[in-house]
Amino acid sequence: RAALDRATVLLSVTKGGKRVDNMWGSGGGQQSVKHLVKEIDMLLKEYLLSGDVLEAERCLQELEVPHFHHELVYEAVVMVLESTGDKTFKMILDLLKSLWRSSVITMDQMKRGYERVYREIPDINLDVPHSYSVLERFVEECFQAGIISKPLRDLCPSR
C-alpha cells in the first residue's frame, strides 16, 4: 500500500509522470515515432560534429528501438545526399560500418533503410539535383565495405 501511495504522489507531480516513465523503463517502443525521428536526427548531427562513433552507438542503443534502426540508416543516407563535400560522406560511411560490424544495426534494418531511400530518391532529387550520382557512389562504397549485399546494391536506382 505504501508503494502505491508513493507512486501516486510521484505521478501527480508536474512532469513527474514523464520522469517516472523514463526511470521505470516505459521508453523504447512506447515513444512516439515523431520523437524517435527527432532523437535520431539529433544523434546524427551530434555525430557529424564530434566524430565520436562510440557515443553515437551508445545513444542509438539507449533509444531501445532496434526495430526502428532503419530510420537511422535512412536519415544518414539522406544526409549524405544533401551534403556538399566528402566529409559527411566519409563520416556516415564510417558510422554505418561501425554499427554494422558491432551488430547494432541488423541486415534487415540496413536493407529497410536503403530501400526507403531508393523509393524516395525521385522526390529527393527534386531538392538535391545530384542525388542519384551521390547515391550510386555511396551505395558502391557501402558494398565495398561489406555493409550491404550485392542484391541490395543492384537495386540502387540510377538516372
N, C-alpha and C. Protein backbone atom coordinates (compact mmCIF):
# COMPACT_ATOMS: atom_id res chain seq x y z
N ARG A 1 0.82 -1.20 0.00
CA ARG A 1 0.00 0.00 0.00
C ARG A 1 0.86 1.26 0.00
N ALA A 2 1.94 1.23 0.80
CA ALA A 2 2.83 2.40 0.87
C ALA A 2 3.47 2.68 -0.49
N ALA A 3 3.84 1.63 -1.20
CA ALA A 3 4.46 1.80 -2.53
C ALA A 3 3.46 2.43 -3.51
N LEU A 4 2.21 1.99 -3.45
CA LEU A 4 1.19 2.57 -4.33
C LEU A 4 0.94 4.04 -4.01
N ASP A 5 0.89 4.35 -2.71
CA ASP A 5 0.69 5.75 -2.31
C ASP A 5 1.85 6.62 -2.81
N ARG A 6 3.07 6.10 -2.67
CA ARG A 6 4.26 6.85 -3.11
C ARG A 6 4.24 7.03 -4.63
N ALA A 7 3.86 6.00 -5.36
CA ALA A 7 3.78 6.09 -6.82
C ALA A 7 2.74 7.11 -7.25
N THR A 8 1.61 7.15 -6.55
CA THR A 8 0.56 8.12 -6.86
C THR A 8 1.07 9.54 -6.68
N VAL A 9 1.80 9.78 -5.61
CA VAL A 9 2.37 11.10 -5.36
C VAL A 9 3.37 11.47 -6.46
N LEU A 10 4.26 10.55 -6.81
CA LEU A 10 5.26 10.81 -7.85
C LEU A 10 4.61 11.11 -9.20
N LEU A 11 3.56 10.37 -9.52
CA LEU A 11 2.90 10.57 -10.81
C LEU A 11 2.09 11.86 -10.86
N SER A 12 1.66 12.35 -9.70
CA SER A 12 0.86 13.57 -9.69
C SER A 12 1.71 14.83 -9.75
N VAL A 13 3.00 14.71 -9.48
CA VAL A 13 3.91 15.85 -9.54
C VAL A 13 4.04 16.28 -11.00
N THR A 14 4.09 17.59 -11.25
CA THR A 14 4.22 18.10 -12.60
C THR A 14 5.44 17.48 -13.27
N LYS A 15 5.23 16.95 -14.45
CA LYS A 15 6.26 16.28 -15.23
C LYS A 15 6.83 15.05 -14.54
N GLY A 16 6.30 14.72 -13.38
CA GLY A 16 6.79 13.56 -12.65
C GLY A 16 6.49 12.27 -13.37
N GLY A 17 5.34 12.21 -14.02
CA GLY A 17 4.96 11.01 -14.76
C GLY A 17 5.96 10.68 -15.84
N LYS A 18 6.39 11.72 -16.55
CA LYS A 18 7.36 11.51 -17.63
C LYS A 18 8.69 11.02 -17.05
N ARG A 19 9.10 11.63 -15.92
CA ARG A 19 10.36 11.24 -15.29
C ARG A 19 10.26 9.80 -14.79
N VAL A 20 9.15 9.45 -14.17
CA VAL A 20 8.96 8.09 -13.65
C VAL A 20 8.91 7.10 -14.81
N ASP A 21 8.23 7.47 -15.91
CA ASP A 21 8.20 6.59 -17.08
C ASP A 21 9.60 6.28 -17.55
N ASN A 22 10.44 7.30 -17.62
CA ASN A 22 11.80 7.08 -18.09
C ASN A 22 12.60 6.26 -17.08
N MET A 23 12.40 6.52 -15.78
CA MET A 23 13.13 5.77 -14.75
C MET A 23 12.73 4.30 -14.75
N TRP A 24 11.44 4.05 -14.90
CA TRP A 24 10.94 2.69 -14.79
C TRP A 24 10.91 1.96 -16.12
N GLY A 25 11.34 2.61 -17.17
CA GLY A 25 11.57 1.91 -18.42
C GLY A 25 10.39 1.76 -19.36
N SER A 26 9.50 2.72 -19.39
CA SER A 26 8.47 2.61 -20.42
C SER A 26 8.87 3.43 -21.64
N GLY A 27 10.18 3.59 -21.83
CA GLY A 27 10.70 4.28 -23.01
C GLY A 27 10.65 3.35 -24.20
N GLY A 28 11.68 3.40 -25.03
CA GLY A 28 11.77 2.49 -26.16
C GLY A 28 10.57 2.56 -27.07
N GLY A 29 9.91 1.43 -27.24
CA GLY A 29 8.78 1.32 -28.14
C GLY A 29 7.58 2.16 -27.73
N GLN A 30 7.57 2.68 -26.51
CA GLN A 30 6.45 3.49 -26.05
C GLN A 30 6.55 4.94 -26.55
N GLN A 31 7.72 5.33 -27.08
CA GLN A 31 7.91 6.69 -27.54
C GLN A 31 7.26 6.88 -28.91
N SER A 32 6.84 8.11 -29.18
CA SER A 32 6.20 8.37 -30.47
C SER A 32 7.23 8.33 -31.59
N VAL A 33 6.77 8.02 -32.79
CA VAL A 33 7.64 7.97 -33.96
C VAL A 33 8.26 9.35 -34.19
N LYS A 34 7.46 10.38 -34.03
CA LYS A 34 7.94 11.75 -34.22
C LYS A 34 9.12 12.05 -33.28
N HIS A 35 8.98 11.63 -32.03
CA HIS A 35 10.05 11.83 -31.04
C HIS A 35 11.30 11.04 -31.43
N LEU A 36 11.11 9.81 -31.84
CA LEU A 36 12.25 8.96 -32.21
C LEU A 36 12.99 9.52 -33.43
N VAL A 37 12.24 10.01 -34.41
CA VAL A 37 12.87 10.60 -35.61
C VAL A 37 13.70 11.81 -35.20
N LYS A 38 13.15 12.62 -34.30
CA LYS A 38 13.88 13.80 -33.83
C LYS A 38 15.16 13.40 -33.08
N GLU A 39 15.08 12.37 -32.25
CA GLU A 39 16.24 11.89 -31.50
C GLU A 39 17.33 11.36 -32.45
N ILE A 40 16.91 10.62 -33.46
CA ILE A 40 17.86 10.06 -34.43
C ILE A 40 18.52 11.18 -35.22
N ASP A 41 17.74 12.17 -35.61
CA ASP A 41 18.29 13.32 -36.33
C ASP A 41 19.34 14.05 -35.48
N MET A 42 19.01 14.28 -34.20
CA MET A 42 19.96 14.93 -33.29
C MET A 42 21.21 14.08 -33.11
N LEU A 43 21.03 12.79 -32.96
CA LEU A 43 22.16 11.86 -32.80
C LEU A 43 23.10 11.98 -33.99
N LEU A 44 22.55 11.99 -35.20
CA LEU A 44 23.39 12.08 -36.40
C LEU A 44 24.10 13.43 -36.49
N LYS A 45 23.40 14.50 -36.18
CA LYS A 45 24.02 15.82 -36.22
C LYS A 45 25.14 15.95 -35.20
N GLU A 46 24.90 15.41 -33.99
CA GLU A 46 25.95 15.43 -32.96
C GLU A 46 27.15 14.60 -33.41
N TYR A 47 26.88 13.46 -34.04
CA TYR A 47 27.97 12.62 -34.53
C TYR A 47 28.79 13.37 -35.57
N LEU A 48 28.13 14.06 -36.49
CA LEU A 48 28.86 14.80 -37.53
C LEU A 48 29.71 15.92 -36.95
N LEU A 49 29.29 16.45 -35.80
CA LEU A 49 30.10 17.49 -35.14
C LEU A 49 31.26 16.89 -34.35
N SER A 50 30.99 15.80 -33.64
CA SER A 50 32.01 15.24 -32.75
C SER A 50 32.89 14.18 -33.40
N GLY A 51 32.30 13.40 -34.31
CA GLY A 51 33.04 12.29 -34.92
C GLY A 51 33.18 11.09 -34.00
N ASP A 52 32.47 11.09 -32.87
CA ASP A 52 32.58 10.02 -31.88
C ASP A 52 31.61 8.88 -32.21
N VAL A 53 32.12 7.85 -32.87
CA VAL A 53 31.30 6.71 -33.29
C VAL A 53 30.74 5.96 -32.08
N LEU A 54 31.55 5.77 -31.05
CA LEU A 54 31.09 5.01 -29.88
C LEU A 54 29.96 5.73 -29.16
N GLU A 55 30.03 7.05 -29.08
CA GLU A 55 28.96 7.83 -28.45
C GLU A 55 27.68 7.71 -29.27
N ALA A 56 27.78 7.78 -30.58
CA ALA A 56 26.61 7.65 -31.45
C ALA A 56 25.98 6.26 -31.27
N GLU A 57 26.83 5.25 -31.19
CA GLU A 57 26.35 3.89 -30.99
C GLU A 57 25.63 3.76 -29.65
N ARG A 58 26.23 4.33 -28.62
CA ARG A 58 25.62 4.28 -27.28
C ARG A 58 24.26 4.97 -27.27
N CYS A 59 24.19 6.15 -27.90
CA CYS A 59 22.93 6.89 -27.94
C CYS A 59 21.85 6.12 -28.70
N LEU A 60 22.23 5.48 -29.78
CA LEU A 60 21.27 4.70 -30.55
C LEU A 60 20.74 3.53 -29.72
N GLN A 61 21.62 2.86 -29.01
CA GLN A 61 21.19 1.73 -28.19
C GLN A 61 20.31 2.18 -27.03
N GLU A 62 20.58 3.38 -26.49
CA GLU A 62 19.78 3.90 -25.38
C GLU A 62 18.35 4.19 -25.79
N LEU A 63 18.11 4.40 -27.07
CA LEU A 63 16.74 4.64 -27.53
C LEU A 63 15.87 3.38 -27.39
N GLU A 64 16.52 2.22 -27.32
CA GLU A 64 15.85 0.93 -27.11
C GLU A 64 14.79 0.63 -28.17
N VAL A 65 15.13 0.91 -29.43
CA VAL A 65 14.19 0.64 -30.53
C VAL A 65 14.90 -0.03 -31.71
N PRO A 66 15.42 -1.24 -31.52
CA PRO A 66 16.16 -1.90 -32.60
C PRO A 66 15.30 -2.10 -33.85
N HIS A 67 13.98 -2.17 -33.69
CA HIS A 67 13.07 -2.32 -34.82
C HIS A 67 12.95 -1.03 -35.63
N PHE A 68 13.53 0.07 -35.13
CA PHE A 68 13.43 1.38 -35.79
C PHE A 68 14.79 1.87 -36.29
N HIS A 69 15.80 1.02 -36.26
CA HIS A 69 17.13 1.42 -36.70
C HIS A 69 17.20 1.73 -38.20
N HIS A 70 16.21 1.25 -38.95
CA HIS A 70 16.16 1.59 -40.37
C HIS A 70 16.02 3.10 -40.56
N GLU A 71 15.43 3.77 -39.58
CA GLU A 71 15.28 5.23 -39.65
C GLU A 71 16.64 5.91 -39.61
N LEU A 72 17.55 5.40 -38.77
CA LEU A 72 18.90 5.97 -38.72
C LEU A 72 19.59 5.77 -40.06
N VAL A 73 19.46 4.59 -40.64
CA VAL A 73 20.08 4.31 -41.94
C VAL A 73 19.52 5.28 -42.98
N TYR A 74 18.21 5.40 -43.01
CA TYR A 74 17.55 6.29 -43.98
C TYR A 74 18.03 7.74 -43.80
N GLU A 75 17.95 8.25 -42.58
CA GLU A 75 18.33 9.64 -42.30
C GLU A 75 19.81 9.87 -42.61
N ALA A 76 20.65 8.90 -42.29
CA ALA A 76 22.09 9.04 -42.53
C ALA A 76 22.38 9.12 -44.03
N VAL A 77 21.76 8.26 -44.82
CA VAL A 77 22.00 8.28 -46.27
C VAL A 77 21.46 9.58 -46.87
N VAL A 78 20.31 10.04 -46.41
CA VAL A 78 19.76 11.30 -46.91
C VAL A 78 20.70 12.47 -46.57
N MET A 79 21.31 12.43 -45.37
CA MET A 79 22.28 13.47 -45.01
C MET A 79 23.46 13.47 -45.98
N VAL A 80 23.89 12.29 -46.39
CA VAL A 80 24.98 12.19 -47.37
C VAL A 80 24.55 12.82 -48.68
N LEU A 81 23.33 12.52 -49.11
CA LEU A 81 22.84 13.05 -50.39
C LEU A 81 22.71 14.57 -50.36
N GLU A 82 22.34 15.12 -49.20
CA GLU A 82 22.13 16.56 -49.08
C GLU A 82 23.42 17.33 -48.80
N SER A 83 24.48 16.63 -48.46
CA SER A 83 25.72 17.30 -48.07
C SER A 83 26.54 17.73 -49.29
N THR A 84 27.45 18.64 -49.01
CA THR A 84 28.41 19.03 -50.04
C THR A 84 29.79 18.65 -49.54
N GLY A 85 30.62 18.16 -50.39
CA GLY A 85 31.95 17.72 -49.97
C GLY A 85 31.93 16.29 -49.50
N ASP A 86 33.12 15.79 -49.18
CA ASP A 86 33.27 14.38 -48.83
C ASP A 86 33.30 14.09 -47.34
N LYS A 87 33.30 15.12 -46.50
CA LYS A 87 33.41 14.89 -45.06
C LYS A 87 32.22 14.09 -44.53
N THR A 88 31.01 14.53 -44.84
CA THR A 88 29.82 13.82 -44.37
C THR A 88 29.76 12.43 -44.98
N PHE A 89 30.07 12.32 -46.25
CA PHE A 89 30.10 11.04 -46.96
C PHE A 89 30.96 10.03 -46.20
N LYS A 90 32.19 10.43 -45.88
CA LYS A 90 33.13 9.54 -45.21
C LYS A 90 32.70 9.23 -43.77
N MET A 91 32.22 10.26 -43.06
CA MET A 91 31.82 10.05 -41.66
C MET A 91 30.63 9.11 -41.55
N ILE A 92 29.63 9.30 -42.40
CA ILE A 92 28.44 8.43 -42.36
C ILE A 92 28.83 7.01 -42.77
N LEU A 93 29.70 6.88 -43.74
CA LEU A 93 30.18 5.56 -44.14
C LEU A 93 30.86 4.88 -42.95
N ASP A 94 31.71 5.60 -42.23
CA ASP A 94 32.38 5.05 -41.04
C ASP A 94 31.38 4.66 -39.96
N LEU A 95 30.36 5.50 -39.76
CA LEU A 95 29.36 5.21 -38.73
C LEU A 95 28.57 3.95 -39.09
N LEU A 96 28.09 3.87 -40.31
CA LEU A 96 27.33 2.69 -40.72
C LEU A 96 28.18 1.43 -40.67
N LYS A 97 29.44 1.57 -41.05
CA LYS A 97 30.38 0.43 -41.00
C LYS A 97 30.52 -0.06 -39.55
N SER A 98 30.69 0.87 -38.64
CA SER A 98 30.86 0.52 -37.22
C SER A 98 29.58 -0.11 -36.65
N LEU A 99 28.43 0.48 -36.95
CA LEU A 99 27.16 -0.05 -36.43
C LEU A 99 26.86 -1.42 -37.02
N TRP A 100 27.29 -1.65 -38.26
CA TRP A 100 27.11 -2.94 -38.91
C TRP A 100 28.02 -3.99 -38.26
N ARG A 101 29.28 -3.64 -38.09
CA ARG A 101 30.26 -4.59 -37.53
C ARG A 101 29.92 -4.97 -36.09
N SER A 102 29.38 -4.01 -35.33
CA SER A 102 29.05 -4.30 -33.94
C SER A 102 27.66 -4.93 -33.81
N SER A 103 27.00 -5.17 -34.93
CA SER A 103 25.67 -5.78 -34.99
C SER A 103 24.58 -4.95 -34.32
N VAL A 104 24.83 -3.67 -34.13
CA VAL A 104 23.80 -2.79 -33.58
C VAL A 104 22.69 -2.64 -34.62
N ILE A 105 23.09 -2.51 -35.89
CA ILE A 105 22.12 -2.46 -36.97
C ILE A 105 22.16 -3.80 -37.70
N THR A 106 21.02 -4.44 -37.79
CA THR A 106 20.93 -5.76 -38.42
C THR A 106 20.83 -5.63 -39.94
N MET A 107 20.98 -6.75 -40.62
CA MET A 107 20.88 -6.78 -42.07
C MET A 107 19.50 -6.30 -42.52
N ASP A 108 18.47 -6.75 -41.81
CA ASP A 108 17.10 -6.37 -42.16
C ASP A 108 16.89 -4.86 -42.01
N GLN A 109 17.38 -4.28 -40.93
CA GLN A 109 17.22 -2.84 -40.71
C GLN A 109 18.02 -2.03 -41.73
N MET A 110 19.21 -2.51 -42.08
CA MET A 110 20.03 -1.84 -43.09
C MET A 110 19.29 -1.87 -44.43
N LYS A 111 18.76 -3.02 -44.77
CA LYS A 111 18.04 -3.19 -46.04
C LYS A 111 16.82 -2.28 -46.09
N ARG A 112 16.06 -2.24 -45.01
CA ARG A 112 14.85 -1.41 -44.97
C ARG A 112 15.19 0.08 -45.13
N GLY A 113 16.28 0.52 -44.49
CA GLY A 113 16.70 1.91 -44.61
C GLY A 113 17.08 2.27 -46.04
N TYR A 114 17.86 1.42 -46.67
CA TYR A 114 18.27 1.67 -48.06
C TYR A 114 17.08 1.62 -49.01
N GLU A 115 16.19 0.66 -48.80
CA GLU A 115 15.02 0.56 -49.67
C GLU A 115 14.14 1.81 -49.58
N ARG A 116 14.05 2.39 -48.40
CA ARG A 116 13.29 3.64 -48.26
C ARG A 116 13.94 4.76 -49.07
N VAL A 117 15.27 4.84 -49.01
CA VAL A 117 15.97 5.86 -49.81
C VAL A 117 15.71 5.61 -51.29
N TYR A 118 15.81 4.36 -51.73
CA TYR A 118 15.60 4.02 -53.13
C TYR A 118 14.20 4.44 -53.60
N ARG A 119 13.20 4.19 -52.73
CA ARG A 119 11.82 4.57 -53.09
C ARG A 119 11.65 6.08 -53.18
N GLU A 120 12.35 6.81 -52.33
CA GLU A 120 12.14 8.26 -52.24
C GLU A 120 13.14 9.09 -53.04
N ILE A 121 14.07 8.46 -53.71
CA ILE A 121 15.10 9.20 -54.44
C ILE A 121 14.52 10.12 -55.52
N PRO A 122 13.44 9.77 -56.22
CA PRO A 122 12.90 10.74 -57.18
C PRO A 122 12.49 12.06 -56.53
N ASP A 123 11.88 11.99 -55.34
CA ASP A 123 11.49 13.20 -54.61
C ASP A 123 12.72 13.93 -54.06
N ILE A 124 13.67 13.19 -53.55
CA ILE A 124 14.90 13.79 -53.02
C ILE A 124 15.63 14.53 -54.14
N ASN A 125 15.63 13.93 -55.32
CA ASN A 125 16.34 14.50 -56.45
C ASN A 125 15.77 15.86 -56.88
N LEU A 126 14.50 16.10 -56.59
CA LEU A 126 13.90 17.41 -56.90
C LEU A 126 14.59 18.52 -56.10
N ASP A 127 14.92 18.22 -54.86
CA ASP A 127 15.58 19.21 -53.99
C ASP A 127 17.09 19.17 -54.12
N VAL A 128 17.63 18.00 -54.40
CA VAL A 128 19.08 17.82 -54.49
C VAL A 128 19.39 17.20 -55.85
N PRO A 129 19.64 18.02 -56.86
CA PRO A 129 19.79 17.53 -58.24
C PRO A 129 20.87 16.47 -58.47
N HIS A 130 21.91 16.45 -57.70
CA HIS A 130 23.00 15.48 -57.90
C HIS A 130 22.83 14.20 -57.08
N SER A 131 21.65 14.00 -56.48
CA SER A 131 21.47 12.91 -55.52
C SER A 131 21.62 11.51 -56.13
N TYR A 132 21.22 11.31 -57.37
CA TYR A 132 21.37 9.97 -57.97
C TYR A 132 22.84 9.56 -58.04
N SER A 133 23.69 10.45 -58.51
CA SER A 133 25.10 10.09 -58.65
C SER A 133 25.77 9.90 -57.29
N VAL A 134 25.41 10.74 -56.33
CA VAL A 134 25.97 10.59 -54.98
C VAL A 134 25.49 9.27 -54.38
N LEU A 135 24.21 8.95 -54.57
CA LEU A 135 23.67 7.69 -54.03
C LEU A 135 24.39 6.49 -54.64
N GLU A 136 24.57 6.50 -55.95
CA GLU A 136 25.27 5.39 -56.61
C GLU A 136 26.68 5.22 -56.04
N ARG A 137 27.38 6.32 -55.87
CA ARG A 137 28.75 6.27 -55.33
C ARG A 137 28.74 5.76 -53.88
N PHE A 138 27.80 6.27 -53.07
CA PHE A 138 27.73 5.87 -51.66
C PHE A 138 27.36 4.39 -51.54
N VAL A 139 26.40 3.95 -52.33
CA VAL A 139 25.98 2.54 -52.30
C VAL A 139 27.15 1.64 -52.69
N GLU A 140 27.90 2.04 -53.70
CA GLU A 140 29.05 1.24 -54.12
C GLU A 140 30.09 1.16 -53.00
N GLU A 141 30.36 2.29 -52.35
CA GLU A 141 31.31 2.30 -51.22
C GLU A 141 30.82 1.41 -50.08
N CYS A 142 29.52 1.45 -49.81
CA CYS A 142 28.96 0.60 -48.75
C CYS A 142 29.08 -0.87 -49.11
N PHE A 143 28.86 -1.18 -50.38
CA PHE A 143 29.00 -2.57 -50.83
C PHE A 143 30.46 -3.01 -50.67
N GLN A 144 31.39 -2.17 -51.10
CA GLN A 144 32.82 -2.49 -50.98
C GLN A 144 33.23 -2.69 -49.52
N ALA A 145 32.59 -1.94 -48.61
CA ALA A 145 32.90 -2.05 -47.18
C ALA A 145 32.19 -3.23 -46.53
N GLY A 146 31.33 -3.91 -47.27
CA GLY A 146 30.63 -5.07 -46.73
C GLY A 146 29.39 -4.73 -45.92
N ILE A 147 28.93 -3.49 -46.00
CA ILE A 147 27.77 -3.06 -45.22
C ILE A 147 26.48 -3.56 -45.84
N ILE A 148 26.42 -3.58 -47.17
CA ILE A 148 25.21 -4.02 -47.85
C ILE A 148 25.55 -5.17 -48.81
N SER A 149 24.52 -5.91 -49.14
CA SER A 149 24.71 -7.07 -50.02
C SER A 149 24.69 -6.66 -51.49
N LYS A 150 25.13 -7.58 -52.34
CA LYS A 150 25.12 -7.33 -53.78
C LYS A 150 23.70 -7.12 -54.31
N PRO A 151 22.72 -7.96 -53.89
CA PRO A 151 21.35 -7.71 -54.37
C PRO A 151 20.82 -6.33 -53.97
N LEU A 152 21.17 -5.86 -52.77
CA LEU A 152 20.72 -4.54 -52.33
C LEU A 152 21.43 -3.45 -53.13
N ARG A 153 22.71 -3.65 -53.41
CA ARG A 153 23.43 -2.71 -54.25
C ARG A 153 22.82 -2.63 -55.64
N ASP A 154 22.47 -3.79 -56.18
CA ASP A 154 21.92 -3.85 -57.53
C ASP A 154 20.53 -3.22 -57.64
N LEU A 155 19.85 -3.07 -56.52
CA LEU A 155 18.53 -2.42 -56.52
C LEU A 155 18.63 -0.90 -56.62
N CYS A 156 19.83 -0.38 -56.41
CA CYS A 156 20.03 1.08 -56.39
C CYS A 156 19.57 1.69 -57.72
N PRO A 157 18.63 2.64 -57.65
CA PRO A 157 18.16 3.27 -58.88
C PRO A 157 19.22 4.19 -59.46
N SER A 158 19.24 4.28 -60.79
CA SER A 158 20.19 5.19 -61.42
C SER A 158 19.43 6.04 -62.44
N ARG A 159 20.03 7.13 -62.84
CA ARG A 159 19.41 8.02 -63.82
C ARG A 159 19.44 7.38 -65.18
